[in-house]
Every structure is written in C-alpha cells, then in structure tokens.
Amino acid sequence: MTLQPHDTDVKALTRLAGVENIVFCCNRSTADHIISSPLFVDPTYERTVPDYSNYTKRFANKPVVAEAVESAKKRKRQK
C-alpha cells in the first residue's frame, strides 16, 4: 500500500483526537458501538478533560534553549 495525499492529515486528526480525548471511529462497527452506549444518551455524564498545564510549563524559567545552543556551539568548536 502506498501513502495517499491525505494520509498526513488523517494521522494529525487521529493524534489530535487522542490528545483531546475525542472518540474517533474508524469503521461502522465502532461507531455503532459508541452510539449504542448508555453514556451516549446520559445527560448526567461529564467528560473528563485532561490537564496539561504542568506539561506545558515544564520549561518555564529554565534556559533550556540557550543551554542547547551553547552546547551545540561548543561541539562545533571542538571539531
């Protein structure tokens, strides 16, 4: 099988659905299963939203980029 022009778009949407905790059905059987789930029609069901704030702030106040640039310059000088 060869890659299709839209293959990268599909992969990006699949990753996004995983990160955002969104149901992603790739076939009719899975879609039927999700739609027939009791949670699908339960008005009291609350979706769990992942909190990535700690992950996004992991480099706050850390000169990680500057250290990486300096390290690369040192390696270049050593050659």
N, C-alpha and C. Protein backbone atom coordinates (compact mmCIF):
# COMPACT_ATOMS: atom_id res chain seq x y z
N MET A 1 0.84 -1.18 0.00
CA MET A 1 0.00 0.00 0.00
C MET A 1 0.88 1.25 0.00
N THR A 2 0.53 2.18 -0.82
CA THR A 2 1.27 3.43 -0.87
C THR A 2 0.54 4.51 -0.08
N LEU A 3 1.29 5.52 0.33
CA LEU A 3 0.69 6.63 1.07
C LEU A 3 -0.22 7.43 0.15
N GLN A 4 -1.33 7.86 0.69
CA GLN A 4 -2.27 8.71 -0.04
C GLN A 4 -1.96 10.17 0.29
N PRO A 5 -2.35 11.11 -0.57
CA PRO A 5 -2.05 12.52 -0.31
C PRO A 5 -2.62 13.03 1.02
N HIS A 6 -3.72 12.48 1.47
CA HIS A 6 -4.36 12.94 2.70
C HIS A 6 -3.90 12.17 3.94
N ASP A 7 -2.94 11.26 3.78
CA ASP A 7 -2.51 10.41 4.88
C ASP A 7 -1.99 11.21 6.07
N THR A 8 -1.21 12.24 5.84
CA THR A 8 -0.68 13.04 6.95
C THR A 8 -1.80 13.78 7.67
N ASP A 9 -2.82 14.23 6.93
CA ASP A 9 -3.96 14.90 7.57
C ASP A 9 -4.72 13.94 8.48
N VAL A 10 -4.92 12.73 8.01
CA VAL A 10 -5.64 11.73 8.80
C VAL A 10 -4.86 11.41 10.08
N LYS A 11 -3.54 11.25 9.95
CA LYS A 11 -2.71 10.96 11.11
C LYS A 11 -2.75 12.12 12.11
N ALA A 12 -2.73 13.35 11.62
CA ALA A 12 -2.78 14.52 12.51
C ALA A 12 -4.12 14.57 13.24
N LEU A 13 -5.21 14.29 12.55
CA LEU A 13 -6.52 14.28 13.20
C LEU A 13 -6.63 13.16 14.23
N THR A 14 -6.04 12.02 13.93
CA THR A 14 -6.05 10.91 14.87
C THR A 14 -5.28 11.26 16.14
N ARG A 15 -4.10 11.89 15.99
CA ARG A 15 -3.33 12.32 17.16
C ARG A 15 -4.10 13.35 17.97
N LEU A 16 -4.71 14.31 17.28
CA LEU A 16 -5.48 15.35 17.96
C LEU A 16 -6.65 14.75 18.74
N ALA A 17 -7.33 13.79 18.15
CA ALA A 17 -8.44 13.13 18.84
C ALA A 17 -7.94 12.42 20.09
N GLY A 18 -6.78 11.81 20.03
CA GLY A 18 -6.21 11.15 21.20
C GLY A 18 -5.84 12.12 22.29
N VAL A 19 -5.23 13.23 21.92
CA VAL A 19 -4.82 14.23 22.91
C VAL A 19 -6.01 14.89 23.57
N GLU A 20 -7.03 15.21 22.78
CA GLU A 20 -8.20 15.91 23.30
C GLU A 20 -9.27 14.97 23.85
N ASN A 21 -8.98 13.68 23.86
CA ASN A 21 -9.91 12.69 24.41
C ASN A 21 -11.24 12.68 23.65
N ILE A 22 -11.15 12.68 22.34
CA ILE A 22 -12.33 12.69 21.47
C ILE A 22 -12.49 11.30 20.86
N VAL A 23 -13.70 10.78 20.86
CA VAL A 23 -13.96 9.47 20.26
C VAL A 23 -13.72 9.56 18.76
N PHE A 24 -13.00 8.58 18.24
CA PHE A 24 -12.65 8.57 16.82
C PHE A 24 -12.97 7.18 16.29
N CYS A 25 -14.02 7.05 15.51
CA CYS A 25 -14.44 5.75 14.99
C CYS A 25 -13.92 5.58 13.57
N CYS A 26 -13.19 4.51 13.35
CA CYS A 26 -12.61 4.26 12.03
C CYS A 26 -13.45 3.32 11.18
N ASN A 27 -14.50 2.76 11.75
CA ASN A 27 -15.36 1.88 10.97
C ASN A 27 -16.78 1.93 11.54
N ARG A 28 -17.71 1.37 10.80
CA ARG A 28 -19.12 1.43 11.19
C ARG A 28 -19.40 0.64 12.47
N SER A 29 -18.72 -0.46 12.66
CA SER A 29 -18.93 -1.27 13.84
C SER A 29 -18.60 -0.49 15.12
N THR A 30 -17.48 0.23 15.10
CA THR A 30 -17.09 1.03 16.27
C THR A 30 -18.08 2.16 16.49
N ALA A 31 -18.50 2.81 15.42
CA ALA A 31 -19.47 3.90 15.53
C ALA A 31 -20.79 3.40 16.12
N ASP A 32 -21.26 2.24 15.65
CA ASP A 32 -22.50 1.66 16.20
C ASP A 32 -22.35 1.36 17.68
N HIS A 33 -21.19 0.86 18.08
CA HIS A 33 -20.94 0.55 19.48
C HIS A 33 -20.98 1.82 20.34
N ILE A 34 -20.35 2.88 19.87
CA ILE A 34 -20.32 4.14 20.62
C ILE A 34 -21.73 4.73 20.72
N ILE A 35 -22.45 4.75 19.62
CA ILE A 35 -23.78 5.36 19.61
C ILE A 35 -24.76 4.57 20.48
N SER A 36 -24.58 3.26 20.55
CA SER A 36 -25.49 2.45 21.36
C SER A 36 -25.09 2.39 22.83
N SER A 37 -24.00 3.04 23.19
CA SER A 37 -23.55 3.06 24.59
C SER A 37 -24.51 3.86 25.45
N PRO A 38 -24.77 3.41 26.67
CA PRO A 38 -25.64 4.18 27.58
C PRO A 38 -25.09 5.57 27.89
N LEU A 39 -23.78 5.72 27.86
CA LEU A 39 -23.18 7.03 28.14
C LEU A 39 -23.49 8.05 27.06
N PHE A 40 -23.78 7.58 25.86
CA PHE A 40 -24.04 8.48 24.74
C PHE A 40 -25.30 9.31 24.98
N VAL A 41 -26.27 8.76 25.68
CA VAL A 41 -27.54 9.47 25.91
C VAL A 41 -27.73 9.87 27.38
N ASP A 42 -26.71 9.67 28.20
CA ASP A 42 -26.81 10.00 29.62
C ASP A 42 -26.56 11.50 29.83
N PRO A 43 -27.58 12.26 30.23
CA PRO A 43 -27.39 13.70 30.39
C PRO A 43 -26.52 14.08 31.59
N THR A 44 -26.32 13.15 32.51
CA THR A 44 -25.51 13.47 33.69
C THR A 44 -24.03 13.15 33.49
N TYR A 45 -23.69 12.54 32.36
CA TYR A 45 -22.30 12.19 32.10
C TYR A 45 -21.47 13.45 31.86
N GLU A 46 -20.32 13.53 32.55
CA GLU A 46 -19.42 14.65 32.38
C GLU A 46 -18.11 14.16 31.81
N ARG A 47 -17.70 14.77 30.73
CA ARG A 47 -16.46 14.39 30.07
C ARG A 47 -15.26 14.82 30.90
N THR A 48 -14.28 13.94 31.01
CA THR A 48 -13.04 14.26 31.71
C THR A 48 -12.10 14.97 30.75
N VAL A 49 -11.65 16.15 31.14
CA VAL A 49 -10.73 16.93 30.30
C VAL A 49 -9.34 16.84 30.91
N PRO A 50 -8.36 16.31 30.14
CA PRO A 50 -7.01 16.21 30.68
C PRO A 50 -6.41 17.59 30.95
N ASP A 51 -5.61 17.70 32.00
CA ASP A 51 -4.94 18.95 32.35
C ASP A 51 -3.46 18.84 31.99
N TYR A 52 -3.07 19.56 30.96
CA TYR A 52 -1.68 19.53 30.50
C TYR A 52 -0.90 20.75 30.95
N SER A 53 -1.42 21.51 31.91
CA SER A 53 -0.76 22.76 32.31
C SER A 53 0.64 22.50 32.88
N ASN A 54 0.81 21.45 33.67
CA ASN A 54 2.15 21.16 34.20
C ASN A 54 3.11 20.80 33.08
N TYR A 55 2.63 20.07 32.10
CA TYR A 55 3.48 19.68 30.98
C TYR A 55 3.90 20.89 30.16
N THR A 56 2.96 21.79 29.90
CA THR A 56 3.29 22.95 29.06
C THR A 56 4.19 23.95 29.78
N LYS A 57 4.21 23.92 31.11
CA LYS A 57 5.04 24.86 31.87
C LYS A 57 6.35 24.23 32.36
N ARG A 58 6.70 23.05 31.86
CA ARG A 58 7.85 22.33 32.39
C ARG A 58 9.17 23.04 32.14
N PHE A 59 9.25 23.90 31.13
CA PHE A 59 10.49 24.61 30.84
C PHE A 59 10.42 26.08 31.25
N ALA A 60 9.39 26.46 31.97
CA ALA A 60 9.26 27.85 32.40
C ALA A 60 10.43 28.19 33.34
N ASN A 61 11.01 29.35 33.11
CA ASN A 61 12.14 29.84 33.92
C ASN A 61 13.36 28.93 33.86
N LYS A 62 13.49 28.16 32.79
CA LYS A 62 14.67 27.32 32.60
C LYS A 62 15.28 27.67 31.25
N PRO A 63 16.55 27.97 31.24
CA PRO A 63 17.20 28.37 29.98
C PRO A 63 17.58 27.16 29.12
N VAL A 64 16.62 26.30 28.85
CA VAL A 64 16.89 25.05 28.13
C VAL A 64 17.38 25.33 26.72
N VAL A 65 16.72 26.24 26.01
CA VAL A 65 17.09 26.53 24.63
C VAL A 65 18.47 27.15 24.57
N ALA A 66 18.73 28.12 25.44
CA ALA A 66 20.05 28.77 25.44
C ALA A 66 21.15 27.76 25.75
N GLU A 67 20.90 26.86 26.70
CA GLU A 67 21.89 25.83 27.03
C GLU A 67 22.13 24.90 25.85
N ALA A 68 21.08 24.55 25.13
CA ALA A 68 21.23 23.67 23.96
C ALA A 68 22.04 24.36 22.87
N VAL A 69 21.80 25.65 22.65
CA VAL A 69 22.55 26.39 21.63
C VAL A 69 24.02 26.47 22.02
N GLU A 70 24.32 26.76 23.27
CA GLU A 70 25.70 26.82 23.74
C GLU A 70 26.39 25.47 23.61
N SER A 71 25.68 24.42 23.95
CA SER A 71 26.25 23.08 23.84
C SER A 71 26.58 22.75 22.38
N ALA A 72 25.70 23.12 21.47
CA ALA A 72 25.94 22.87 20.05
C ALA A 72 27.15 23.67 19.57
N LYS A 73 27.27 24.92 20.03
CA LYS A 73 28.42 25.74 19.63
C LYS A 73 29.72 25.14 20.14
N LYS A 74 29.72 24.63 21.38
CA LYS A 74 30.92 24.00 21.94
C LYS A 74 31.34 22.79 21.12
N ARG A 75 30.36 21.98 20.76
CA ARG A 75 30.67 20.79 19.94
C ARG A 75 31.24 21.18 18.60
N LYS A 76 30.71 22.25 18.02
CA LYS A 76 31.18 22.71 16.72
C LYS A 76 32.64 23.18 16.82
N ARG A 77 32.96 23.89 17.91
CA ARG A 77 34.34 24.41 18.10
C ARG A 77 35.32 23.28 18.31
N GLN A 78 34.88 22.19 18.96
CA GLN A 78 35.76 21.08 19.25
C GLN A 78 36.14 20.29 18.01
N LYS A 79 35.36 20.39 16.97
CA LYS A 79 35.64 19.62 15.74
C LYS A 79 36.73 20.21 14.95
